[in-house]
C-alpha cells in the first residue's frame, strides 16, 4: 500500500513528461498528430505537432524581426549619409545570417529527405560561421586591430565564412558525386562537420573576453566617460552573447552525440533538439548583438551630430578684438631720449672742462684746493665735499 502512491506519481510524471516532450504522445505509435489533414505526407507531420508549432512560431517572429531591422537600417543609412560605414555593412551581414538561422529550423522540423539533407549539411554551418565570424570581426574592430577596421570588417567576416563553405561543399561533392550515395549522415558525422564553426565560436569568445578585460583595466583620457561606459557595456553584451551561444552548442552537440542515445530517444529527439537549439541560438544572437548594436550605432551617430560649442557670447565672429595700444619703449619715448641726451651732454661738458685741468690736478691736491668742476661733480654725485684745511 505504501508503494501505490509512488507508482501513481511515477505514472503521472511519465504521462506529463510525454505530453510536454519534443514529440507528442501520439508520435510514439507513428500515428498522425491532431490537426494534420489526411492528404498531408508523413514527412510533414511534425509541422502539425505541438513542438513543431511552438518552434515555428518562435522562429517566425525572429525571422520577421530580423527582416524589419534590416529594412530599418537600410532606410536609416539612406537618410543619414554618415551611417554608410563598414560597421553598418557588417551588422547587416550579421542580421542576414541570423535571419537564415531562424529560417533553418523548418528544414529540421520536416523529416530528413534527399531535399532537406543538403540544406542541413551546407546551410547550417555556413550561416553560423557567418554569424560567429561577424562577431569575431567586430571584436577585432573594437580592439583596434587594423585588419578589421572600416570595410575590412565585412571582408574578414566573409573570408571566415568562406572556409566553412569549402568544407561543406567538399563533403557534398564526395558523398553525392564521387561515392554516388544518397545524402545520409550519422549524428556524430554531422557534429564533426561543425568543428570549424565551434573553433570560430571559441575564437570570438576569447576576443570578446580580451576586449572586456581591456575596457575594465585601461582608461583613455582621449575618450569621454560616456564612450568608455558604452565600450564596457558593448564588451559585456558581446561576451554574454557568445557564452550563451557556447552553452546552446554544448547542449545540443552533447544530446545529439550521446544524450539521446543514452536515454533511448535517439531517432525521435534528434531533429527536435536541433530545431529548438537553432531557434534559441537565433534569439540569443538577435537580442544580445542585433538590437543592442543598432542602439549603440544610433547613439554614436546622434553624438556626432551634436552642434559645436557656440562662443558668440565670448567673441563676435564679425568684429575683430581691438589690438592693445603699443607701449613706447625707452628708445621710442622722445622725452626720455631728450633727458638722457641732456644729461649725457652736461656730463660731457663737465668732463671736458675737467680734462683741461688734469695737469693742474696734482698741484691742487698738494695745495688742498678743489677745482670748481670737481665741486660740481661731487655735488651731482651726492658725495660730501672736502673743505680746505
Protein backbone atom coordinates (compact mmCIF):
# COMPACT_ATOMS: atom_id res chain seq x y z
CA UNK A 1 0.00 0.00 0.00
CA UNK A 2 2.95 2.31 0.58
CA UNK A 3 4.19 1.70 -2.96
CA UNK A 4 0.87 2.52 -4.61
CA UNK A 5 1.17 6.36 -4.25
CA UNK A 6 4.73 6.18 -5.55
CA UNK A 7 3.67 4.18 -8.60
CA UNK A 8 0.78 6.55 -9.23
CA UNK A 9 3.16 9.53 -9.04
CA UNK A 10 5.56 7.85 -11.46
CA UNK A 11 2.79 7.22 -13.97
CA UNK A 12 1.56 10.79 -13.73
CA UNK A 13 5.08 12.16 -14.12
CA UNK A 14 5.78 9.99 -17.17
CA UNK A 15 2.50 10.98 -18.76
CA UNK A 16 3.21 14.69 -18.21
CA UNK A 17 6.76 14.31 -19.49
CA UNK A 18 5.45 12.51 -22.54
CA UNK A 19 2.96 15.29 -23.16
CA UNK A 20 5.45 18.14 -22.87
CA UNK A 21 8.29 16.33 -24.66
CA UNK A 22 9.52 17.26 -28.09
CA UNK A 23 7.28 14.73 -29.76
CA UNK A 24 3.63 14.38 -28.81
CA UNK A 25 2.41 11.10 -27.27
CA UNK A 26 0.68 10.20 -30.47
CA UNK A 27 4.00 10.19 -32.31
CA UNK A 28 5.27 7.22 -30.28
CA UNK A 29 2.91 4.93 -32.18
CA UNK A 30 3.55 6.64 -35.52
CA UNK A 31 0.00 7.93 -35.78
CA UNK A 32 -0.99 11.22 -37.38
CA UNK A 33 -0.96 14.19 -34.96
CA UNK A 34 -4.17 16.04 -34.29
CA UNK A 35 -4.69 18.82 -36.84
CA UNK A 36 -2.90 17.20 -39.77
CA UNK A 37 -5.01 16.52 -42.83
CA UNK A 38 -5.26 13.11 -44.38
CA UNK A 39 -3.66 14.34 -47.60
CA UNK A 40 -0.53 15.58 -45.82
CA UNK A 41 2.51 13.37 -46.32
CA UNK A 42 4.04 11.70 -43.28
CA UNK A 43 7.32 13.63 -43.52
CA UNK A 44 5.37 16.85 -42.86
CA UNK A 45 3.53 15.58 -39.80
CA UNK A 46 5.89 17.34 -37.33
CA UNK A 47 4.58 20.65 -38.66
CA UNK A 48 1.24 19.85 -37.01
CA UNK A 49 2.77 18.58 -33.78
CA UNK A 50 2.94 20.59 -30.56
CA UNK A 51 6.68 21.11 -30.50
CA UNK A 52 6.69 21.90 -34.22
CA UNK A 53 4.07 24.63 -33.86
CA UNK A 54 5.95 26.24 -30.95
CA UNK A 55 9.26 26.19 -32.82
CA UNK A 56 7.65 27.58 -35.98
CA UNK A 57 6.05 30.46 -34.06
CA UNK A 58 9.27 31.42 -32.26
CA UNK A 59 11.36 31.12 -35.42
CA UNK A 60 8.82 33.07 -37.47
CA UNK A 61 8.78 36.00 -35.05
CA UNK A 62 12.56 36.07 -35.02
CA UNK A 63 12.74 35.95 -38.83
CA UNK A 64 10.28 38.84 -39.19
CA UNK A 65 12.19 40.84 -36.55
CA UNK A 66 15.46 40.41 -38.45
CA UNK A 67 13.91 41.45 -41.76
CA UNK A 68 12.27 44.54 -40.22
CA UNK A 69 15.51 45.51 -38.52
CA UNK A 70 17.49 45.17 -41.75
CA UNK A 71 14.97 47.28 -43.68
CA UNK A 72 15.04 49.94 -40.96
CA UNK A 73 18.84 50.05 -41.07
CA UNK A 74 18.87 50.36 -44.84
CA UNK A 75 16.33 53.18 -44.74
CA UNK A 76 18.25 54.93 -41.99
CA UNK A 77 21.54 54.62 -43.86
CA UNK A 78 19.90 56.11 -46.96
CA UNK A 79 18.71 59.13 -44.96
CA UNK A 80 21.89 59.63 -42.92
CA UNK A 81 24.99 59.65 -45.09
CA UNK A 82 27.25 59.34 -42.05
CA UNK A 83 25.99 55.84 -41.34
CA UNK A 84 27.44 54.36 -44.51
CA UNK A 85 30.38 52.60 -42.95
CA UNK A 86 31.88 49.17 -42.60
CA UNK A 87 30.28 48.66 -39.20
CA UNK A 88 26.82 49.08 -40.70
CA UNK A 89 27.58 46.63 -43.51
CA UNK A 90 28.94 44.09 -41.01
CA UNK A 91 25.81 44.46 -38.89
CA UNK A 92 23.59 43.89 -41.94
CA UNK A 93 25.60 40.78 -42.78
CA UNK A 94 25.15 39.53 -39.22
CA UNK A 95 21.39 40.16 -39.32
CA UNK A 96 21.18 38.34 -42.65
CA UNK A 97 22.90 35.31 -41.12
CA UNK A 98 20.61 35.47 -38.07
CA UNK A 99 17.54 35.59 -40.32
CA UNK A 100 18.80 32.48 -42.10
CA UNK A 101 19.28 30.75 -38.74
CA UNK A 102 15.63 31.48 -37.89
CA UNK A 103 14.54 30.03 -41.24
CA UNK A 104 16.69 26.91 -40.84
CA UNK A 105 14.54 25.06 -38.21
CA UNK A 106 11.91 24.37 -40.88
CA UNK A 107 14.34 22.01 -42.62
CA UNK A 108 14.74 20.08 -39.35
CA UNK A 109 11.07 20.03 -38.46
CA UNK A 110 10.38 18.29 -41.75
CA UNK A 111 11.73 14.74 -41.80
CA UNK A 112 15.10 14.02 -43.37
CA UNK A 113 14.84 13.60 -47.15
CA UNK A 114 17.09 14.00 -50.20
CA UNK A 115 15.81 17.57 -50.46
CA UNK A 116 16.39 18.63 -46.87
CA UNK A 117 19.69 16.81 -46.37
CA UNK A 118 21.87 19.21 -48.44
CA UNK A 119 20.24 22.16 -46.67
CA UNK A 120 21.07 20.69 -43.28
CA UNK A 121 24.66 19.88 -44.18
CA UNK A 122 25.53 23.04 -46.09
CA UNK A 123 23.40 25.91 -44.82
CA UNK A 124 23.65 25.33 -41.05
CA UNK A 125 27.44 25.52 -40.89
CA UNK A 126 27.69 28.40 -43.35
CA UNK A 127 25.14 30.58 -41.53
CA UNK A 128 26.67 30.02 -38.12
CA UNK A 129 30.19 30.58 -39.43
CA UNK A 130 28.99 33.85 -40.95
CA UNK A 131 27.36 34.95 -37.67
CA UNK A 132 30.28 33.95 -35.44
CA UNK A 133 32.74 35.35 -37.98
CA UNK A 134 30.93 38.70 -37.84
CA UNK A 135 31.16 38.64 -34.04
CA UNK A 136 34.86 37.82 -34.22
CA UNK A 137 35.47 40.61 -36.71
CA UNK A 138 33.51 43.00 -34.50
CA UNK A 139 35.63 42.09 -31.51
CA UNK A 140 38.82 42.71 -33.51
CA UNK A 141 37.47 46.05 -34.69
CA UNK A 142 36.68 47.11 -31.12
CA UNK A 143 40.21 46.17 -30.08
CA UNK A 144 41.55 48.49 -32.78
CA UNK A 145 43.12 45.81 -34.99
CA UNK A 146 43.94 47.37 -38.35
CA UNK A 147 42.88 44.22 -40.20
CA UNK A 148 39.23 44.68 -39.16
CA UNK A 149 38.77 48.43 -39.42
CA UNK A 150 36.22 50.04 -41.71
CA UNK A 151 35.07 47.99 -44.65
CA UNK A 152 37.70 45.35 -43.91
CA UNK A 153 35.46 44.14 -41.08
CA UNK A 154 32.97 42.83 -43.65
CA UNK A 155 35.78 41.24 -45.65
CA UNK A 156 37.09 39.43 -42.55
CA UNK A 157 33.64 38.03 -41.71
CA UNK A 158 33.06 36.87 -45.29
CA UNK A 159 36.52 35.30 -45.51
CA UNK A 160 35.98 33.37 -42.27
CA UNK A 161 32.63 32.03 -43.54
CA UNK A 162 34.21 31.02 -46.85
CA UNK A 163 36.20 28.29 -45.12
CA UNK A 164 33.02 26.55 -43.95
CA UNK A 165 31.59 26.87 -47.47
CA UNK A 166 34.59 24.97 -48.80
CA UNK A 167 34.30 22.28 -46.11
CA UNK A 168 30.57 21.68 -46.65
CA UNK A 169 30.88 21.74 -50.44
CA UNK A 170 33.71 19.21 -50.36
CA UNK A 171 31.65 16.86 -48.18
CA UNK A 172 28.65 17.09 -50.51
CA UNK A 173 30.81 16.50 -53.59
CA UNK A 174 32.47 13.47 -52.04
CA UNK A 175 29.19 11.90 -50.90
CA UNK A 176 26.88 12.77 -53.77
CA UNK A 177 29.21 12.87 -56.78
CA UNK A 178 32.22 10.70 -56.05
CA UNK A 179 30.60 7.97 -53.95
CA UNK A 180 27.20 8.39 -55.66
CA UNK A 181 25.34 7.83 -52.43
CA UNK A 182 22.19 9.38 -51.10
CA UNK A 183 22.58 12.29 -48.72
CA UNK A 184 22.60 10.47 -45.40
CA UNK A 185 24.79 11.00 -42.38
CA UNK A 186 25.10 9.87 -38.81
CA UNK A 187 24.76 12.27 -35.92
CA UNK A 188 28.48 12.13 -34.93
CA UNK A 189 29.37 12.79 -38.57
CA UNK A 190 27.04 15.79 -38.62
CA UNK A 191 28.68 17.12 -35.46
CA UNK A 192 32.13 16.66 -37.00
CA UNK A 193 31.13 18.93 -39.87
CA UNK A 194 30.64 21.77 -37.37
CA UNK A 195 34.15 21.70 -35.89
CA UNK A 196 35.24 24.82 -37.74
CA UNK A 197 32.11 26.67 -36.53
CA UNK A 198 32.97 25.76 -32.93
CA UNK A 199 36.53 26.99 -33.46
CA UNK A 200 35.14 30.33 -34.66
CA UNK A 201 32.87 30.47 -31.63
CA UNK A 202 35.79 29.87 -29.28
CA UNK A 203 37.97 32.46 -31.03
CA UNK A 204 35.20 35.06 -30.91
CA UNK A 205 34.64 34.37 -27.21
CA UNK A 206 38.34 34.76 -26.40
CA UNK A 207 38.47 38.03 -28.36
CA UNK A 208 35.42 39.36 -26.52
CA UNK A 209 36.90 38.42 -23.15
CA UNK A 210 40.13 40.17 -24.06
CA UNK A 211 38.22 43.30 -25.06
CA UNK A 212 36.23 43.20 -21.81
CA UNK A 213 39.43 42.97 -19.77
CA UNK A 214 40.92 45.79 -21.82
CA UNK A 215 37.95 48.11 -21.16
CA UNK A 216 37.93 47.29 -17.44
CA UNK A 217 41.66 47.72 -16.85
CA UNK A 218 42.65 50.58 -19.12
CA UNK A 219 41.18 54.06 -19.45
CA UNK A 220 41.95 56.58 -22.19
CA UNK A 221 41.66 60.27 -21.37
CA UNK A 222 41.02 60.97 -25.03
CA UNK A 223 37.59 59.31 -24.69
CA UNK A 224 34.72 60.79 -22.76
CA UNK A 225 33.11 58.99 -19.86
CA UNK A 226 30.01 58.02 -21.87
CA UNK A 227 32.15 56.46 -24.60
CA UNK A 228 34.09 54.43 -22.06
CA UNK A 229 30.89 53.18 -20.42
CA UNK A 230 29.45 52.29 -23.81
CA UNK A 231 32.56 50.28 -24.67
CA UNK A 232 32.33 48.37 -21.39
CA UNK A 233 28.63 47.63 -21.94
CA UNK A 234 29.26 46.55 -25.51
CA UNK A 235 32.06 44.23 -24.41
CA UNK A 236 29.89 42.71 -21.65
CA UNK A 237 26.99 42.07 -24.06
CA UNK A 238 29.32 40.54 -26.62
CA UNK A 239 30.75 38.17 -24.01
CA UNK A 240 27.26 37.27 -22.75
CA UNK A 241 26.02 36.55 -26.28
CA UNK A 242 28.93 34.27 -27.07
CA UNK A 243 28.75 32.50 -23.70
CA UNK A 244 25.06 31.71 -24.17
CA UNK A 245 25.74 30.56 -27.73
CA UNK A 246 28.51 28.28 -26.48
CA UNK A 247 26.13 26.80 -23.88
CA UNK A 248 23.48 26.15 -26.54
CA UNK A 249 26.00 24.46 -28.79
CA UNK A 250 27.41 22.37 -25.97
CA UNK A 251 23.94 21.14 -25.02
CA UNK A 252 22.73 20.17 -28.48
CA UNK A 253 26.04 18.59 -29.51
CA UNK A 254 26.06 16.52 -26.30
CA UNK A 255 22.45 15.43 -26.72
CA UNK A 256 22.93 14.64 -30.40
CA UNK A 257 26.06 12.53 -29.98
CA UNK A 258 25.49 10.93 -26.57
CA UNK A 259 22.46 12.04 -24.57
CA UNK A 260 19.63 10.94 -26.84
CA UNK A 261 21.23 7.57 -27.43
CA UNK A 262 21.80 7.06 -23.69
CA UNK A 263 18.16 7.90 -22.92
CA UNK A 264 16.86 5.73 -25.73
CA UNK A 265 15.43 8.70 -27.69
CA UNK A 266 18.00 8.80 -30.45
CA UNK A 267 15.84 8.61 -33.59
CA UNK A 268 12.94 10.66 -32.23
CA UNK A 269 14.60 13.55 -30.41
CA UNK A 270 17.45 14.32 -32.83
CA UNK A 271 15.57 16.70 -35.11
CA UNK A 272 13.59 18.44 -32.33
CA UNK A 273 16.80 19.05 -30.35
CA UNK A 274 18.47 20.74 -33.32
CA UNK A 275 15.33 22.75 -34.15
CA UNK A 276 14.98 24.08 -30.61
CA UNK A 277 18.72 24.81 -30.44
CA UNK A 278 18.62 26.77 -33.70
CA UNK A 279 15.67 28.87 -32.55
CA UNK A 280 17.20 29.54 -29.12
CA UNK A 281 20.58 30.47 -30.56
CA UNK A 282 18.92 32.75 -33.10
CA UNK A 283 17.16 34.68 -30.34
CA UNK A 284 20.39 34.89 -28.34
CA UNK A 285 22.18 36.41 -31.31
CA UNK A 286 19.35 38.80 -32.14
CA UNK A 287 18.80 40.09 -28.61
CA UNK A 288 22.42 40.02 -27.50
CA UNK A 289 24.05 41.61 -30.53
CA UNK A 290 21.45 42.62 -33.12
CA UNK A 291 19.21 45.03 -31.25
CA UNK A 292 21.95 46.27 -28.92
CA UNK A 293 24.34 47.00 -31.77
CA UNK A 294 21.67 49.00 -33.56
CA UNK A 295 21.10 51.03 -30.40
CA UNK A 296 24.83 51.69 -29.97
CA UNK A 297 25.07 52.79 -33.59
CA UNK A 298 22.14 55.19 -33.21
CA UNK A 299 23.63 56.72 -30.06
CA UNK A 300 27.06 57.18 -31.63
CA UNK A 301 25.53 58.76 -34.73
CA UNK A 302 23.45 61.14 -32.58
CA UNK A 303 26.58 62.10 -30.64
CA UNK A 304 28.43 63.01 -33.84
CA UNK A 305 25.53 65.24 -34.91
CA UNK A 306 25.67 67.39 -31.77
CA UNK A 307 26.24 71.10 -32.67
CA UNK A 308 29.62 72.57 -31.79
CA UNK A 309 30.04 74.90 -28.87
CA UNK A 310 28.82 78.47 -29.52
CA UNK A 311 31.17 81.19 -28.35
CA UNK A 312 29.16 84.13 -29.70
CA UNK A 313 28.79 85.48 -26.18
CA UNK A 314 32.54 85.49 -25.78
CA UNK A 315 33.75 86.84 -29.09
CA UNK A 316 31.86 88.21 -32.06
CA UNK A 317 32.59 86.43 -35.34
CA UNK A 318 32.22 89.70 -37.33
CA UNK A 319 34.31 92.12 -35.31
CA UNK A 320 37.92 91.50 -34.53
CA UNK A 321 39.08 92.35 -30.99
CA UNK A 322 40.93 95.66 -30.71
CA UNK A 323 44.67 95.35 -30.57
CA UNK A 324 46.31 96.64 -27.37
CA UNK A 325 48.00 100.06 -27.65
CA UNK A 326 51.65 100.00 -28.45
CA UNK A 327 53.63 100.78 -25.36
CA UNK A 328 56.57 103.01 -26.16
CA UNK A 329 59.86 101.67 -25.09
CA UNK A 330 62.80 103.71 -23.96
CA UNK A 331 64.05 104.20 -27.46
CA UNK A 332 60.62 105.41 -28.66
CA UNK A 333 59.95 107.82 -25.79
CA UNK A 334 61.11 111.24 -27.00
CA UNK A 335 61.06 112.82 -23.56
CA UNK A 336 63.24 110.12 -22.11
CA UNK A 337 65.57 110.38 -25.04
CA UNK A 338 65.90 114.18 -24.68
CA UNK A 339 66.53 113.98 -20.95
CA UNK A 340 69.13 111.30 -21.45
CA UNK A 341 70.83 113.29 -24.13
CA UNK A 342 70.79 116.43 -21.91
CA UNK A 343 72.36 114.63 -19.03
CA UNK A 344 74.82 112.94 -21.25
CA UNK A 345 75.68 116.32 -22.82
CA UNK A 346 76.17 118.06 -19.44
CA UNK A 347 78.42 115.33 -18.27
CA UNK A 348 80.40 115.55 -21.46
CA UNK A 349 80.90 119.25 -20.98
CA UNK A 350 81.93 118.87 -17.37
CA UNK A 351 84.30 116.04 -18.19
CA UNK A 352 85.83 118.04 -20.99
CA UNK A 353 86.32 121.03 -18.66
CA UNK A 354 87.96 118.83 -16.06
CA UNK A 355 90.10 117.22 -18.68
CA UNK A 356 91.77 120.58 -19.36
CA UNK A 357 92.55 120.90 -15.66
CA UNK A 358 94.11 117.43 -15.27
CA UNK A 359 97.67 118.76 -15.42
CA UNK A 360 96.83 121.14 -12.55
CA UNK A 361 95.07 118.43 -10.51
CA UNK A 362 98.17 117.29 -8.70
CA UNK A 363 99.05 120.85 -7.81
CA UNK A 364 95.56 121.50 -6.49
CA UNK A 365 95.67 118.45 -4.32
CA UNK A 366 99.00 119.43 -2.87
CA UNK A 367 97.68 122.92 -2.15
CA UNK A 368 94.42 121.47 -0.70
CA UNK A 369 92.30 123.21 -3.26
CA UNK A 370 89.47 121.69 -5.34
CA UNK A 371 88.65 122.97 -8.79
CA UNK A 372 85.14 124.24 -9.47
CA UNK A 373 84.28 121.45 -11.81
CA UNK A 374 85.28 118.90 -9.24
CA UNK A 375 82.98 120.51 -6.67
CA UNK A 376 80.08 120.41 -9.11
CA UNK A 377 80.72 116.77 -9.98
CA UNK A 378 80.83 115.78 -6.37
CA UNK A 379 77.61 117.67 -5.63
CA UNK A 380 75.89 115.94 -8.52
CA UNK A 381 77.09 112.58 -7.30
CA UNK A 382 75.85 113.29 -3.78
CA UNK A 383 79.33 112.90 -2.21
CA UNK A 384 80.43 115.08 0.76
CA UNK A 385 82.70 117.92 -0.25
CA UNK A 386 86.06 118.31 1.41
CA UNK A 387 86.84 121.83 2.52
CA UNK A 388 90.20 123.47 2.73
CA UNK A 389 92.22 122.90 5.72
